[in-house]
Amino acid sequence: MNRAAVAGVLAGCITAVLSQATAAGQNPNAEHLETGSAQNAAGNTVSYRIRLLPVASFPDLPGGVAAELARRQCMIPQSFEAKQPENIIHGAFRAPGSSDWAALCSSAGATTLLVFFAGQLQSPVSLRTQPDSVWLGAEPGSSLFGSAWGIAVRPAAELRDAPQFRHAAPFDHDAIDDARLERSLTIHYYQSGKWIHLSPGDSSD
């Protein structure tokens, strides 16, 4: 999605002025909250508060990845279920044994799923971009919504063991779970120079 399209979706979703975590003058090394109001799928207006962590909250990041995230003025959105820093992951996403990273990068009200292949840390791949307020969720009984976007490593063995994926690819390295928590899941797998996208309901039969 290009920047113009993102801006259009953002304008349609948000019904109050955002308190942007990356606004000028705020400390990029401190935790921030992004707040606002948005319409949910049922057409109801809900208030949300998205917790955003600085890149410094992830000390195990390679310097090249941290530098590129900082250059993009990224903050890392945390899901409403988060109990510890999340949404930066490490795995073999390109090939068996590779050391790659993926991160959710929130900047100026939109979040992008970025994948950093080893040796290409300054040119990450963008797999999805959307306004921060598109995927919202809340704990049962809570009236305050937070981010419902989460990513995780999907080991190759789990893909090989799933009957619905057995014809999709040889699955000899990790994939990326890209989830709207408690609602939907897309699995991104890199094969032969391109990404294939799977969901748990996929079947090749």
Protein backbone atom coordinates (compact mmCIF):
# COMPACT_ATOMS: atom_id res chain seq x y z
CA MET A 1 0.00 0.00 0.00
CA ASN A 2 1.45 3.40 -0.92
CA ARG A 3 1.55 6.40 1.37
CA ALA A 4 -1.45 8.06 -0.26
CA ALA A 5 -3.58 4.96 0.22
CA VAL A 6 -2.49 4.62 3.85
CA ALA A 7 -3.39 8.26 4.48
CA GLY A 8 -6.83 7.75 2.96
CA VAL A 9 -7.61 4.70 5.08
CA LEU A 10 -6.29 6.45 8.17
CA ALA A 11 -8.54 9.44 7.60
CA GLY A 12 -11.57 7.19 7.18
CA CYS A 13 -10.94 5.14 10.32
CA ILE A 14 -10.02 7.70 12.92
CA THR A 15 -12.65 10.01 14.39
CA ALA A 16 -10.47 11.93 16.83
CA VAL A 17 -7.10 13.56 16.69
CA LEU A 18 -4.34 11.10 17.51
CA SER A 19 -1.77 11.64 20.19
CA GLN A 20 1.11 10.45 18.04
CA ALA A 21 3.86 8.63 19.90
CA THR A 22 6.41 9.77 17.34
CA ALA A 23 5.42 13.42 17.38
CA ALA A 24 8.21 15.95 17.16
CA GLY A 25 9.77 16.80 20.47
CA GLN A 26 9.08 13.48 22.16
CA ASN A 27 11.92 11.30 23.37
CA PRO A 28 12.40 8.44 20.85
CA ASN A 29 14.04 6.36 23.59
CA ALA A 30 11.03 6.46 25.91
CA GLU A 31 7.79 4.49 25.93
CA HIS A 32 4.76 6.36 24.54
CA LEU A 33 1.03 5.91 24.20
CA GLU A 34 -0.93 6.58 21.03
CA THR A 35 -4.55 7.40 21.80
CA GLY A 36 -7.64 8.20 19.79
CA SER A 37 -11.04 6.97 18.68
CA ALA A 38 -11.94 4.72 15.77
CA GLN A 39 -14.86 2.82 14.36
CA ASN A 40 -14.83 -0.94 14.84
CA ALA A 41 -16.21 -3.53 12.41
CA ALA A 42 -19.69 -3.14 13.92
CA GLY A 43 -19.68 0.59 13.22
CA ASN A 44 -19.31 1.57 16.88
CA THR A 45 -16.88 4.24 18.00
CA VAL A 46 -14.31 2.94 20.48
CA SER A 47 -11.47 4.59 22.35
CA TYR A 48 -8.04 3.06 22.01
CA ARG A 49 -4.65 3.33 23.64
CA ILE A 50 -1.71 1.69 21.88
CA ARG A 51 1.48 1.19 23.85
CA LEU A 52 4.62 1.90 21.81
CA LEU A 53 8.09 0.82 22.91
CA PRO A 54 11.35 2.36 21.72
CA VAL A 55 13.90 0.33 19.80
CA ALA A 56 16.11 0.49 22.90
CA SER A 57 13.68 -1.89 24.62
CA PHE A 58 15.14 -4.68 22.44
CA PRO A 59 18.83 -4.88 23.42
CA ASP A 60 19.45 -8.11 21.46
CA LEU A 61 18.86 -6.42 18.11
CA PRO A 62 21.85 -6.32 15.76
CA GLY A 63 23.21 -2.81 15.34
CA GLY A 64 22.22 -2.65 11.68
CA VAL A 65 18.58 -3.51 12.39
CA ALA A 66 18.39 -1.07 15.30
CA ALA A 67 19.93 1.69 13.19
CA GLU A 68 17.47 1.20 10.33
CA LEU A 69 14.48 1.16 12.69
CA ALA A 70 15.77 4.34 14.31
CA ARG A 71 16.30 5.97 10.90
CA ARG A 72 12.66 5.25 10.09
CA GLN A 73 11.61 6.72 13.47
CA CYS A 74 10.02 3.41 14.42
CA MET A 75 8.27 2.67 17.67
CA ILE A 76 7.25 -0.94 18.32
CA PRO A 77 3.51 -1.42 18.95
CA GLN A 78 2.57 -3.81 21.73
CA SER A 79 -0.60 -5.85 21.58
CA PHE A 80 -3.28 -5.55 24.25
CA GLU A 81 -2.17 -9.03 25.43
CA ALA A 82 1.54 -8.15 25.80
CA LYS A 83 3.22 -9.10 29.05
CA GLN A 84 6.79 -8.41 27.86
CA PRO A 85 8.37 -6.60 24.89
CA GLU A 86 7.08 -8.19 21.69
CA ASN A 87 6.68 -7.76 17.93
CA ILE A 88 10.36 -8.00 17.07
CA ILE A 89 11.33 -11.58 16.22
CA HIS A 90 14.43 -13.50 15.11
CA GLY A 91 14.46 -16.58 12.90
CA ALA A 92 15.67 -18.23 9.70
CA PHE A 93 13.17 -16.55 7.39
CA ARG A 94 15.17 -16.62 4.15
CA ALA A 95 16.83 -20.05 4.19
CA PRO A 96 17.85 -22.80 6.63
CA GLY A 97 20.37 -21.43 9.12
CA SER A 98 20.00 -17.77 8.12
CA SER A 99 19.86 -15.13 10.87
CA ASP A 100 17.00 -12.80 10.00
CA TRP A 101 14.72 -10.41 11.87
CA ALA A 102 11.19 -9.09 11.53
CA ALA A 103 9.61 -6.13 13.30
CA LEU A 104 6.44 -4.10 13.48
CA CYS A 105 7.39 -0.46 12.93
CA SER A 106 4.90 2.25 13.90
CA SER A 107 5.62 5.71 12.53
CA ALA A 108 3.27 8.67 11.96
CA GLY A 109 0.18 6.64 12.77
CA ALA A 110 0.82 3.66 10.48
CA THR A 111 2.55 0.35 11.13
CA THR A 112 4.63 -1.70 8.68
CA LEU A 113 5.74 -5.32 9.01
CA LEU A 114 9.42 -5.24 8.02
CA VAL A 115 11.68 -8.23 7.37
CA PHE A 116 15.45 -7.85 7.60
CA PHE A 117 17.42 -10.54 5.80
CA ALA A 118 21.00 -11.10 6.96
CA GLY A 119 23.36 -9.03 4.85
CA GLN A 120 20.55 -6.70 3.71
CA LEU A 121 19.79 -4.87 6.94
CA GLN A 122 19.51 -1.46 5.28
CA SER A 123 16.88 -2.60 2.78
CA PRO A 124 14.16 -4.51 4.66
CA VAL A 125 11.17 -6.02 2.88
CA SER A 126 7.74 -4.56 3.67
CA LEU A 127 5.04 -7.25 3.95
CA ARG A 128 2.10 -5.16 5.19
CA THR A 129 1.35 -1.51 5.99
CA GLN A 130 -1.82 -0.23 7.62
CA PRO A 131 -3.01 2.45 10.07
CA ASP A 132 -2.30 1.64 13.71
CA SER A 133 -6.02 1.73 14.55
CA VAL A 134 -7.23 -0.82 11.94
CA TRP A 135 -6.68 -3.92 14.11
CA LEU A 136 -7.91 -3.26 17.64
CA GLY A 137 -8.86 -5.59 20.46
CA ALA A 138 -9.54 -5.57 24.18
CA GLU A 139 -9.42 -7.91 27.12
CA PRO A 140 -12.86 -9.35 28.01
CA GLY A 141 -14.82 -6.83 30.03
CA SER A 142 -12.57 -3.92 29.10
CA SER A 143 -13.92 -0.83 27.37
CA LEU A 144 -10.47 0.39 26.31
CA PHE A 145 -9.04 -1.07 23.14
CA GLY A 146 -5.39 -1.63 22.20
CA SER A 147 -3.48 -3.01 19.25
CA ALA A 148 -4.47 -6.51 18.12
CA TRP A 149 -1.50 -6.99 15.78
CA GLY A 150 1.11 -9.56 16.73
CA ILE A 151 3.92 -11.40 14.95
CA ALA A 152 5.72 -14.62 15.91
CA VAL A 153 8.11 -17.21 14.49
CA ARG A 154 6.46 -20.24 12.90
CA PRO A 155 9.00 -23.12 12.91
CA ALA A 156 9.34 -25.18 9.74
CA ALA A 157 8.47 -28.37 11.64
CA GLU A 158 5.03 -27.00 12.51
CA LEU A 159 4.35 -26.23 8.86
CA ARG A 160 5.48 -29.69 7.76
CA ASP A 161 3.19 -31.28 10.35
CA ALA A 162 0.11 -29.34 9.17
CA PRO A 163 -1.88 -31.46 6.67
CA GLN A 164 -3.39 -28.43 4.94
CA PHE A 165 0.07 -27.14 3.96
CA ARG A 166 1.71 -30.35 2.83
CA HIS A 167 1.64 -29.45 -0.88
CA ALA A 168 2.45 -25.75 -0.49
CA ALA A 169 6.26 -25.83 -0.07
CA PRO A 170 9.11 -28.04 1.22
CA PHE A 171 9.28 -25.96 4.45
CA ASP A 172 12.93 -26.18 5.42
CA HIS A 173 13.13 -22.86 7.30
CA ASP A 174 11.00 -20.60 9.52
CA ALA A 175 7.96 -18.56 8.54
CA ILE A 176 6.34 -15.48 10.09
CA ASP A 177 2.96 -15.55 11.83
CA ASP A 178 1.16 -12.27 11.10
CA ALA A 179 -1.93 -12.23 13.31
CA ARG A 180 -4.94 -10.14 14.10
CA LEU A 181 -5.23 -11.56 17.58
CA GLU A 182 -8.21 -13.83 18.16
CA ARG A 183 -9.52 -13.03 14.67
CA SER A 184 -7.26 -14.09 11.79
CA LEU A 185 -3.78 -15.31 10.88
CA THR A 186 -1.58 -15.08 7.80
CA ILE A 187 1.65 -17.09 7.58
CA HIS A 188 4.38 -15.58 5.39
CA TYR A 189 6.93 -18.02 3.94
CA TYR A 190 9.83 -17.05 1.69
CA GLN A 191 10.49 -19.47 -1.17
CA SER A 192 12.46 -19.18 -4.43
CA GLY A 193 12.82 -15.42 -4.21
CA LYS A 194 9.23 -14.57 -3.33
CA TRP A 195 6.80 -14.68 -0.43
CA ILE A 196 3.90 -17.09 -0.28
CA HIS A 197 1.03 -16.38 2.09
CA LEU A 198 -0.83 -19.15 3.90
CA SER A 199 -3.71 -19.26 6.35
CA PRO A 200 -4.70 -22.11 8.67
CA GLY A 201 -7.76 -22.76 6.52
CA ASP A 202 -5.73 -23.18 3.32
CA SER A 203 -5.89 -26.52 1.55
CA SER A 204 -4.36 -27.71 -1.69
CA ASP A 205 -6.66 -30.78 -1.98
